[in-house]
Amino acid sequence: MEDTMKRIEVVAAVIRAGDMIFATQRGYGEFKDRWEFPGGKVEPGEDRIHALRREIMEELDTEVSVDSFLCTVDYDYPSFHITLHCYICSVESGSLVLKEHMSARWLSVDSLRSVDWLPADLEVISIIEDVMQKGVRGQKEGEASRRLSQIVDFCRLIDKEKFIERRTYLTDGQRLENDAEHAWHLAVMALLLSEYSSEKIDLLKVVSIVLIHDLVEIYAGDTFAYDAEGLKTQKERETAAADRLFGLLPEDLAVKFRGLWDEFEEGVSPEARFAHTLDNFQPLMLQAATDGKAWREGGRRLGEVLRRNAHTAEGSPSLWNYAVENFIRPQIDRGHLRDDLSINEKSTEDKVGF
């Protein structure tokens, strides 16, 4: 007999503050007055973590940090089947404003059963009690051993980043840098240049982002900034690579690393914007150090460089202005970067000062 029951995929945030758990009470619909973990439906084609953050912002006007995966619960309601993916979260910013629910409470582990939970959410309660009372996430000794093996295997795999060649020469002009060298360089630069960020940033988060942002190229390869055809498929290739690569980690680390990578790709935070600035500033610096060697070899034009750096100033106008004056303008003056904007008969000041 064909299964015609409606199926819904849902994500939920188990928001923690120390030993307290945040619970919300429905004020609408069939399950009015019942308690649940905040969250909602995953839209077709939507990443679960993105869906979770979106739903919490819509329901509670709050940004959460997705700290780890907790569990998946399948439950049959009378008229539909729900698959509920639950994640341990903490508040990143915001004050948990109730925009859709009628009430909310912070509950200790001992008082979790003091409210009338929805049936699917009630199954999650048993898992939370076990996790919090034992102080671990239910890992047995064998699971802990497998976890360590997964992490070590991943550490070994990312050595391959050292073999991914970029299109920027090292300062001696003798060879091209690789992805691992680029990531290391950005991390040190983040430590040294953080004071020039245009926004307040979490420095450790910036360093984490720049260290992992190109790991997907182990599977996707480096996409040259001026390769028009390669750029058309870059997002698709790198997203598939991210799924494959970060999926090799234990789920809590996979969520964390994938979240950082997504944050960088979407440029949605001050840390991501500053990381993008550094990611563009560093190759400009190396171009200047090698008298525009890669630019000269590729016959690069000023217009291409400006389009490539259209958002570089967003993370730090100071660093972008420095790059214009010290990296770009001298290469134009020396003829190493073709000034294709001269057809407009504007001065160099007009064209590069932006």
Protein backbone atom coordinates (compact mmCIF):
# COMPACT_ATOMS: atom_id res chain seq x y z
CA MET A 1 0.00 0.00 0.00
CA GLU A 2 1.39 3.39 -0.98
CA ASP A 3 2.43 5.68 1.87
CA THR A 4 0.52 8.92 1.29
CA MET A 5 1.24 10.55 4.65
CA LYS A 6 2.61 14.07 4.37
CA ARG A 7 6.27 14.29 5.41
CA ILE A 8 7.84 17.38 6.92
CA GLU A 9 11.53 18.02 7.63
CA VAL A 10 12.07 20.38 10.55
CA VAL A 11 15.06 21.84 12.40
CA ALA A 12 14.95 22.85 16.06
CA ALA A 13 17.29 24.77 18.35
CA VAL A 14 17.98 23.45 21.83
CA ILE A 15 19.23 26.79 23.14
CA ARG A 16 21.43 26.41 26.22
CA ALA A 17 22.71 28.87 28.79
CA GLY A 18 24.78 26.88 31.24
CA ASP A 19 22.50 24.12 32.55
CA MET A 20 19.29 25.84 31.44
CA ILE A 21 17.28 25.06 28.29
CA PHE A 22 15.03 27.53 26.45
CA ALA A 23 11.49 26.30 25.74
CA THR A 24 8.68 28.04 23.83
CA GLN A 25 4.90 27.69 24.00
CA ARG A 26 2.76 27.75 20.89
CA GLY A 27 0.03 30.35 20.72
CA TYR A 28 -1.58 29.23 17.47
CA GLY A 29 -2.85 26.32 15.44
CA GLU A 30 -3.64 22.71 16.21
CA PHE A 31 -1.00 22.46 18.93
CA LYS A 32 -1.78 25.73 20.71
CA ASP A 33 -0.56 25.82 24.34
CA ARG A 34 1.87 22.91 23.81
CA TRP A 35 5.60 23.43 24.33
CA GLU A 36 8.35 22.94 21.78
CA PHE A 37 11.90 23.81 20.86
CA PRO A 38 11.97 26.83 18.52
CA GLY A 39 12.62 26.17 14.85
CA GLY A 40 10.71 25.35 11.71
CA LYS A 41 10.54 23.76 8.28
CA VAL A 42 13.52 23.27 6.01
CA GLU A 43 12.70 24.78 2.62
CA PRO A 44 13.38 22.72 -0.55
CA GLY A 45 17.09 22.88 -1.37
CA GLU A 46 17.91 24.71 1.86
CA ASP A 47 20.84 23.75 4.07
CA ARG A 48 19.67 22.67 7.56
CA ILE A 49 21.98 25.03 9.42
CA HIS A 50 20.89 27.95 7.26
CA ALA A 51 17.26 26.98 7.86
CA LEU A 52 17.79 26.83 11.61
CA ARG A 53 19.42 30.25 11.80
CA ARG A 54 16.72 31.71 9.56
CA GLU A 55 13.88 30.28 11.63
CA ILE A 56 15.33 31.46 14.96
CA MET A 57 15.80 34.95 13.55
CA GLU A 58 12.20 34.95 12.28
CA GLU A 59 10.72 33.58 15.51
CA LEU A 60 12.96 35.16 18.16
CA ASP A 61 14.82 38.03 16.45
CA THR A 62 18.03 36.37 17.64
CA GLU A 63 21.19 35.05 16.00
CA VAL A 64 22.34 31.72 17.38
CA SER A 65 25.61 29.86 17.24
CA VAL A 66 25.02 26.26 16.17
CA ASP A 67 27.38 24.47 18.52
CA SER A 68 26.73 20.78 17.82
CA PHE A 69 24.30 18.25 16.44
CA LEU A 70 22.12 16.58 19.10
CA CYS A 71 19.76 14.10 17.46
CA THR A 72 17.19 13.34 14.78
CA VAL A 73 13.71 12.22 15.82
CA ASP A 74 11.08 10.72 13.52
CA TYR A 75 7.49 10.89 14.73
CA ASP A 76 4.09 10.10 13.23
CA TYR A 77 1.38 12.60 14.04
CA PRO A 78 -2.17 11.68 12.92
CA SER A 79 -1.96 13.66 9.68
CA PHE A 80 1.76 13.92 8.95
CA HIS A 81 5.20 12.46 9.62
CA ILE A 82 7.87 14.76 11.04
CA THR A 83 11.64 14.37 10.87
CA LEU A 84 13.03 16.65 13.55
CA HIS A 85 16.76 17.53 13.46
CA CYS A 86 17.87 19.07 16.76
CA TYR A 87 21.02 21.12 17.36
CA ILE A 88 22.56 22.44 20.57
CA CYS A 89 22.74 26.22 20.19
CA SER A 90 23.75 29.29 22.15
CA VAL A 91 22.73 32.91 21.75
CA GLU A 92 25.17 34.89 19.63
CA SER A 93 23.26 38.18 19.53
CA GLY A 94 19.74 39.29 20.33
CA SER A 95 17.46 38.84 23.32
CA LEU A 96 15.02 36.04 22.36
CA VAL A 97 12.04 38.24 21.51
CA LEU A 98 8.81 36.24 21.17
CA LYS A 99 7.46 37.11 17.71
CA GLU A 100 5.34 33.98 17.13
CA HIS A 101 5.09 32.13 20.47
CA MET A 102 2.83 33.06 23.39
CA SER A 103 5.29 32.26 26.16
CA ALA A 104 8.78 30.96 26.90
CA ARG A 105 10.75 29.62 29.85
CA TRP A 106 14.27 28.70 30.81
CA LEU A 107 14.08 25.17 32.27
CA SER A 108 16.65 23.24 34.26
CA VAL A 109 17.25 19.60 33.39
CA ASP A 110 15.21 18.63 36.46
CA SER A 111 12.22 20.71 35.37
CA LEU A 112 12.14 19.84 31.66
CA ARG A 113 9.06 17.67 32.13
CA SER A 114 7.15 20.34 34.04
CA VAL A 115 5.54 21.64 30.83
CA ASP A 116 3.29 19.95 28.26
CA TRP A 117 5.63 19.19 25.34
CA LEU A 118 4.64 18.27 21.81
CA PRO A 119 5.10 14.50 21.37
CA ALA A 120 8.07 14.72 18.98
CA ASP A 121 9.81 17.23 21.22
CA LEU A 122 9.16 15.03 24.25
CA GLU A 123 11.32 12.34 22.69
CA VAL A 124 14.14 14.88 22.49
CA ILE A 125 13.79 15.55 26.23
CA SER A 126 14.97 12.05 27.11
CA ILE A 127 18.10 12.56 25.03
CA ILE A 128 18.78 15.96 26.58
CA GLU A 129 18.41 14.54 30.08
CA ASP A 130 20.90 11.82 29.30
CA VAL A 131 23.39 14.25 27.76
CA MET A 132 23.19 16.85 30.50
CA GLN A 133 23.12 14.47 33.45
CA LYS A 134 26.14 12.54 32.21
CA GLY A 135 27.97 15.64 31.06
CA VAL A 136 28.69 14.03 27.68
CA ARG A 137 26.77 13.64 24.46
CA GLY A 138 26.08 9.98 24.89
CA GLN A 139 29.36 8.86 23.40
CA LYS A 140 30.54 5.42 24.40
CA GLU A 141 34.19 4.51 24.50
CA GLY A 142 34.09 2.99 21.03
CA GLU A 143 32.38 6.09 19.64
CA ALA A 144 35.04 8.30 21.22
CA SER A 145 37.74 6.22 19.55
CA ARG A 146 36.02 6.51 16.16
CA ARG A 147 35.68 10.25 16.71
CA LEU A 148 39.42 10.62 17.25
CA SER A 149 40.16 8.53 14.17
CA GLN A 150 37.84 10.71 12.08
CA ILE A 151 39.59 13.86 13.24
CA VAL A 152 43.10 12.48 12.66
CA ASP A 153 42.10 11.22 9.20
CA PHE A 154 40.80 14.70 8.38
CA CYS A 155 44.04 16.28 9.61
CA ARG A 156 45.96 13.96 7.30
CA LEU A 157 43.67 14.69 4.36
CA ILE A 158 44.04 18.47 4.53
CA ASP A 159 47.77 18.11 3.91
CA LYS A 160 46.60 17.98 0.28
CA GLU A 161 45.94 21.73 0.48
CA LYS A 162 49.72 22.19 0.16
CA PHE A 163 49.50 20.82 -3.39
CA ILE A 164 46.76 23.19 -4.61
CA GLU A 165 48.59 25.81 -6.66
CA ARG A 166 47.29 29.36 -6.86
CA ARG A 167 48.05 31.97 -9.57
CA THR A 168 50.02 34.37 -7.37
CA TYR A 169 53.82 34.30 -7.18
CA LEU A 170 55.74 34.26 -3.91
CA THR A 171 57.76 37.39 -3.20
CA ASP A 172 60.90 36.01 -4.88
CA GLY A 173 58.94 35.48 -8.09
CA GLN A 174 60.33 31.96 -8.49
CA ARG A 175 57.20 29.90 -7.95
CA LEU A 176 53.47 30.19 -7.34
CA GLU A 177 52.14 29.97 -3.80
CA ASN A 178 49.87 27.14 -2.69
CA ASP A 179 46.59 27.25 -0.80
CA ALA A 180 48.11 26.28 2.54
CA GLU A 181 50.70 29.06 2.31
CA HIS A 182 47.96 31.50 1.42
CA ALA A 183 45.81 30.45 4.41
CA TRP A 184 48.77 30.68 6.81
CA HIS A 185 49.65 34.12 5.48
CA LEU A 186 46.08 35.37 5.95
CA ALA A 187 45.94 34.03 9.52
CA VAL A 188 49.09 35.90 10.55
CA MET A 189 47.90 39.02 8.74
CA ALA A 190 44.60 38.82 10.63
CA LEU A 191 46.51 38.89 13.92
CA LEU A 192 48.53 41.89 12.78
CA LEU A 193 45.90 43.92 10.93
CA SER A 194 42.73 43.36 12.97
CA GLU A 195 42.80 46.96 14.25
CA TYR A 196 42.01 48.11 10.69
CA SER A 197 38.71 46.23 10.47
CA SER A 198 35.83 48.62 9.85
CA GLU A 199 33.71 46.71 12.39
CA LYS A 200 34.25 45.09 15.76
CA ILE A 201 35.35 41.51 15.14
CA ASP A 202 36.02 38.25 16.95
CA LEU A 203 39.67 37.74 15.99
CA LEU A 204 39.71 34.00 16.69
CA LYS A 205 36.74 33.62 14.37
CA VAL A 206 38.50 35.55 11.59
CA VAL A 207 41.60 33.38 11.97
CA SER A 208 39.43 30.24 11.90
CA ILE A 209 37.64 31.41 8.75
CA VAL A 210 40.79 32.22 6.79
CA LEU A 211 42.44 28.94 7.79
CA ILE A 212 39.56 26.80 6.50
CA HIS A 213 38.09 28.92 3.68
CA ASP A 214 40.05 27.25 0.87
CA LEU A 215 40.04 23.66 2.19
CA VAL A 216 37.22 22.82 -0.24
CA GLU A 217 39.69 23.30 -3.09
CA ILE A 218 41.19 19.93 -2.13
CA TYR A 219 38.22 18.52 -4.06
CA ALA A 220 37.06 21.51 -6.14
CA GLY A 221 40.47 22.81 -7.23
CA ASP A 222 41.50 26.48 -7.31
CA THR A 223 39.32 28.67 -9.51
CA PHE A 224 41.39 31.41 -11.11
CA ALA A 225 39.96 34.83 -10.33
CA TYR A 226 39.95 35.80 -14.03
CA ASP A 227 38.71 32.48 -15.46
CA ALA A 228 35.26 33.45 -16.75
CA GLU A 229 34.21 29.89 -17.56
CA GLY A 230 35.49 28.47 -14.28
CA LEU A 231 33.69 31.14 -12.29
CA LYS A 232 30.35 30.03 -13.78
CA THR A 233 30.57 26.65 -12.01
CA GLN A 234 32.65 27.67 -8.99
CA LYS A 235 29.81 27.89 -6.48
CA GLU A 236 28.30 24.57 -7.51
CA ARG A 237 31.67 22.77 -7.42
CA GLU A 238 32.75 24.26 -4.11
CA THR A 239 29.41 23.62 -2.40
CA ALA A 240 29.58 19.97 -3.42
CA ALA A 241 33.18 19.85 -2.19
CA ALA A 242 32.15 21.38 1.15
CA ASP A 243 29.45 18.74 1.57
CA ARG A 244 31.96 15.99 0.87
CA LEU A 245 34.89 17.40 2.85
CA PHE A 246 33.25 18.60 6.05
CA GLY A 247 31.00 15.53 6.04
CA LEU A 248 34.11 13.51 6.90
CA LEU A 249 34.26 15.12 10.35
CA PRO A 250 32.23 14.16 13.44
CA GLU A 251 28.90 15.90 13.06
CA ASP A 252 29.44 18.62 15.67
CA LEU A 253 32.73 19.64 14.02
CA ALA A 254 31.19 19.29 10.57
CA VAL A 255 28.48 21.76 11.60
CA LYS A 256 31.05 24.17 13.02
CA PHE A 257 33.43 24.08 10.03
CA ARG A 258 30.64 24.17 7.46
CA GLY A 259 29.08 27.09 9.30
CA LEU A 260 32.33 29.05 9.13
CA TRP A 261 32.73 28.25 5.44
CA ASP A 262 29.14 29.25 4.64
CA GLU A 263 29.58 32.45 6.64
CA PHE A 264 32.65 33.36 4.58
CA GLU A 265 30.98 32.55 1.28
CA GLU A 266 27.89 34.59 2.11
CA GLY A 267 29.85 37.48 3.67
CA VAL A 268 27.15 37.85 6.31
CA SER A 269 29.24 38.87 9.33
CA PRO A 270 31.92 41.45 10.22
CA GLU A 271 34.39 38.57 10.52
CA ALA A 272 33.54 37.26 7.04
CA ARG A 273 33.82 40.72 5.51
CA PHE A 274 37.24 41.33 7.08
CA ALA A 275 38.38 37.86 5.99
CA HIS A 276 37.35 38.72 2.41
CA THR A 277 39.35 41.94 2.60
CA LEU A 278 42.46 40.03 3.70
CA ASP A 279 41.84 37.36 1.05
CA ASN A 280 42.03 40.06 -1.65
CA PHE A 281 44.62 42.31 0.00
CA GLN A 282 47.26 39.56 0.27
CA PRO A 283 47.51 38.71 -3.47
CA LEU A 284 47.61 42.43 -4.31
CA MET A 285 50.54 42.74 -1.92
CA LEU A 286 52.33 39.83 -3.62
CA GLN A 287 51.63 41.29 -7.06
CA ALA A 288 53.34 44.51 -5.98
CA ALA A 289 56.27 42.58 -4.48
CA THR A 290 56.87 40.81 -7.81
CA ASP A 291 56.39 43.88 -10.02
CA GLY A 292 53.04 42.55 -11.15
CA LYS A 293 54.57 39.38 -12.58
CA ALA A 294 51.32 37.40 -12.75
CA TRP A 295 49.47 40.46 -14.05
CA ARG A 296 52.07 40.94 -16.78
CA GLU A 297 51.98 37.28 -17.79
CA GLY A 298 48.20 37.33 -18.03
CA GLY A 299 47.93 40.75 -19.65
CA ARG A 300 45.64 41.84 -16.86
CA ARG A 301 43.69 45.08 -17.11
CA LEU A 302 42.78 47.56 -14.40
CA GLY A 303 39.07 47.02 -14.98
CA GLU A 304 39.45 43.30 -14.24
CA VAL A 305 41.31 44.01 -11.01
CA LEU A 306 38.69 46.51 -9.88
CA ARG A 307 35.83 44.11 -10.58
CA ARG A 308 37.69 41.41 -8.68
CA ASN A 309 38.00 43.78 -5.71
CA ALA A 310 34.52 45.30 -5.85
CA HIS A 311 33.85 44.42 -2.19
CA THR A 312 37.36 44.54 -0.74
CA ALA A 313 36.78 47.86 1.00
CA GLU A 314 33.75 46.56 2.92
CA GLY A 315 35.87 44.89 5.57
CA SER A 316 38.45 47.67 5.78
CA PRO A 317 38.46 50.89 3.77
CA SER A 318 41.90 51.62 5.23
CA LEU A 319 43.46 48.46 3.82
CA TRP A 320 41.79 48.98 0.44
CA ASN A 321 43.04 52.57 0.21
CA TYR A 322 46.51 51.37 1.14
CA ALA A 323 46.37 48.72 -1.58
CA VAL A 324 45.28 51.29 -4.16
CA GLU A 325 48.12 53.67 -3.35
CA ASN A 326 50.89 51.13 -2.77
CA PHE A 327 50.02 48.03 -4.79
CA ILE A 328 47.80 49.02 -7.72
CA ARG A 329 48.75 52.56 -8.69
CA PRO A 330 52.54 51.86 -8.96
CA GLN A 331 51.90 48.89 -11.25
CA ILE A 332 49.77 51.09 -13.52
CA ASP A 333 52.50 53.74 -13.59
CA ARG A 334 55.11 51.11 -14.55
CA GLY A 335 52.91 49.62 -17.24
CA HIS A 336 52.61 46.27 -15.49
CA LEU A 337 48.83 46.62 -15.19
CA ARG A 338 47.09 47.76 -18.35
CA ASP A 339 45.04 50.91 -17.79
CA ASP A 340 42.00 50.03 -19.90
CA LEU A 341 40.01 52.85 -18.32
CA SER A 342 42.06 55.51 -20.10
CA ILE A 343 39.54 55.47 -22.97
CA ASN A 344 37.35 57.60 -20.71
CA GLU A 345 40.13 60.21 -20.58
CA LYS A 346 40.01 60.30 -16.82
CA SER A 347 43.03 60.90 -14.68
CA THR A 348 44.62 58.08 -12.72
CA GLU A 349 43.33 59.86 -9.62
CA ASP A 350 39.74 59.57 -10.87
CA LYS A 351 40.04 55.97 -11.95
CA VAL A 352 41.85 54.46 -8.99
CA GLY A 353 40.86 56.68 -6.11
CA PHE A 354 37.25 55.45 -6.28
